[in-house]
Amino acid sequence: MSEPIVAVDLFRTVMAAAGGRCQCTGQCGQPHAKTDRRCPREHDSYAGKHGGPIRLMAAAADPALTEREAAALPADRLRAWCPGCFTAAQRTVHHHAEPAAEQGGLFDL
């Protein structure tokens, strides 16, 4: 099994809890309907004839968190994600974020 260079123990803990499979259950916008509503990608498996090996990552269960916030999380607040699901989940979160409250301008009356 391929592993990251740093935080190996944390990575192993997350992968063991996930059974080596992406834990996305639709946060990416895909229903994963054919695989019991969970992404079918497994760590170190191949994505298909033209795809390379899948490298799951241990990332925040909440894709809205920044990388800095996620780096401080314990293993029980992390999930195994395939890169495609995690990136799509982040886009979904940021796309649906509420617009910032209107700030009054200096010259607003």
Protein backbone atom coordinates (compact mmCIF):
# COMPACT_ATOMS: atom_id res chain seq x y z
CA MET A 1 0.00 0.00 0.00
CA SER A 2 1.35 3.42 -0.91
CA GLU A 3 1.43 5.91 1.94
CA PRO A 4 2.26 9.58 2.36
CA ILE A 5 5.70 10.67 3.52
CA VAL A 6 4.36 12.47 6.60
CA ALA A 7 1.61 11.65 9.12
CA VAL A 8 1.70 7.95 8.26
CA ASP A 9 0.06 6.85 11.52
CA LEU A 10 -2.81 9.27 11.01
CA PHE A 11 -3.21 8.14 7.39
CA ARG A 12 -3.24 4.47 8.41
CA THR A 13 -5.86 5.11 11.09
CA VAL A 14 -8.16 6.89 8.63
CA MET A 15 -7.68 4.22 5.94
CA ALA A 16 -8.35 1.40 8.41
CA ALA A 17 -11.58 3.08 9.54
CA ALA A 18 -12.63 3.50 5.89
CA GLY A 19 -11.66 -0.01 4.86
CA GLY A 20 -9.39 1.51 2.21
CA ARG A 21 -12.38 2.90 0.30
CA CYS A 22 -13.43 6.48 -0.42
CA GLN A 23 -15.98 7.57 2.17
CA CYS A 24 -17.85 10.03 -0.06
CA THR A 25 -21.57 9.42 0.19
CA GLY A 26 -22.70 12.03 -2.30
CA GLN A 27 -21.03 15.19 -1.01
CA CYS A 28 -19.36 15.42 -4.42
CA GLY A 29 -22.72 15.77 -6.14
CA GLN A 30 -22.79 12.20 -7.46
CA PRO A 31 -25.34 9.84 -5.90
CA HIS A 32 -23.04 6.78 -6.23
CA ALA A 33 -26.31 4.91 -6.80
CA LYS A 34 -24.73 1.74 -8.19
CA THR A 35 -22.49 1.24 -5.15
CA ASP A 36 -24.85 1.60 -2.17
CA ARG A 37 -24.52 5.40 -2.14
CA ARG A 38 -20.78 5.31 -1.42
CA CYS A 39 -17.94 6.01 -3.85
CA PRO A 40 -16.49 2.72 -5.10
CA ARG A 41 -12.87 3.89 -5.41
CA GLU A 42 -10.34 1.98 -3.34
CA HIS A 43 -6.82 2.97 -2.39
CA ASP A 44 -4.16 1.75 -4.84
CA SER A 45 -6.76 0.28 -7.22
CA TYR A 46 -6.87 1.38 -10.85
CA ALA A 47 -9.43 3.83 -12.19
CA GLY A 48 -9.86 1.92 -15.44
CA LYS A 49 -8.04 1.11 -18.64
CA HIS A 50 -6.69 4.61 -19.08
CA GLY A 51 -6.49 5.77 -15.47
CA GLY A 52 -3.63 5.36 -13.09
CA PRO A 53 -3.86 4.08 -9.53
CA ILE A 54 -6.24 5.79 -7.13
CA ARG A 55 -4.47 7.41 -4.20
CA LEU A 56 -6.93 8.13 -1.43
CA MET A 57 -6.15 10.92 0.99
CA ALA A 58 -7.04 11.57 4.58
CA ALA A 59 -8.85 14.90 4.56
CA ALA A 60 -11.41 16.74 6.64
CA ALA A 61 -14.86 15.18 6.81
CA ASP A 62 -16.13 18.73 6.23
CA PRO A 63 -14.80 19.86 2.84
CA ALA A 64 -15.60 23.49 3.74
CA LEU A 65 -12.65 23.63 6.14
CA THR A 66 -9.41 25.23 5.02
CA GLU A 67 -6.26 23.14 4.70
CA ARG A 68 -4.89 24.81 7.83
CA GLU A 69 -8.02 23.94 9.84
CA ALA A 70 -7.98 20.37 8.53
CA ALA A 71 -4.32 19.87 9.43
CA ALA A 72 -5.16 20.28 13.12
CA LEU A 73 -7.98 17.72 13.15
CA PRO A 74 -7.75 14.34 14.90
CA ALA A 75 -8.27 11.12 12.93
CA ASP A 76 -11.93 10.80 13.95
CA ARG A 77 -12.72 14.08 12.15
CA LEU A 78 -11.00 12.99 8.93
CA ARG A 79 -12.32 10.81 6.11
CA ALA A 80 -10.76 8.84 3.26
CA TRP A 81 -11.45 10.70 0.02
CA CYS A 82 -10.50 10.03 -3.58
CA PRO A 83 -9.17 13.23 -5.17
CA GLY A 84 -12.13 13.54 -7.55
CA CYS A 85 -14.78 13.36 -4.84
CA PHE A 86 -12.92 15.70 -2.50
CA THR A 87 -12.35 18.36 -5.14
CA ALA A 88 -15.98 18.16 -6.29
CA ALA A 89 -17.22 18.33 -2.68
CA GLN A 90 -15.12 21.44 -2.06
CA ARG A 91 -16.52 23.07 -5.22
CA THR A 92 -20.05 22.18 -4.16
CA VAL A 93 -19.54 23.69 -0.72
CA HIS A 94 -17.96 26.88 -2.04
CA HIS A 95 -20.52 27.20 -4.85
CA HIS A 96 -23.44 26.95 -2.41
CA ALA A 97 -21.87 29.19 0.23
CA GLU A 98 -24.05 32.05 1.29
CA PRO A 99 -23.03 35.43 -0.08
CA ALA A 100 -21.25 37.73 2.32
CA ALA A 101 -23.46 40.14 4.23
CA GLU A 102 -23.66 43.49 2.57
CA GLN A 103 -21.20 45.94 4.05
CA GLY A 104 -22.17 49.56 4.23
CA GLY A 105 -19.99 51.83 2.12
CA LEU A 106 -18.43 55.04 3.28
CA PHE A 107 -20.78 57.11 1.16
CA ASP A 108 -24.00 55.09 1.59
CA LEU A 109 -26.84 57.13 3.01
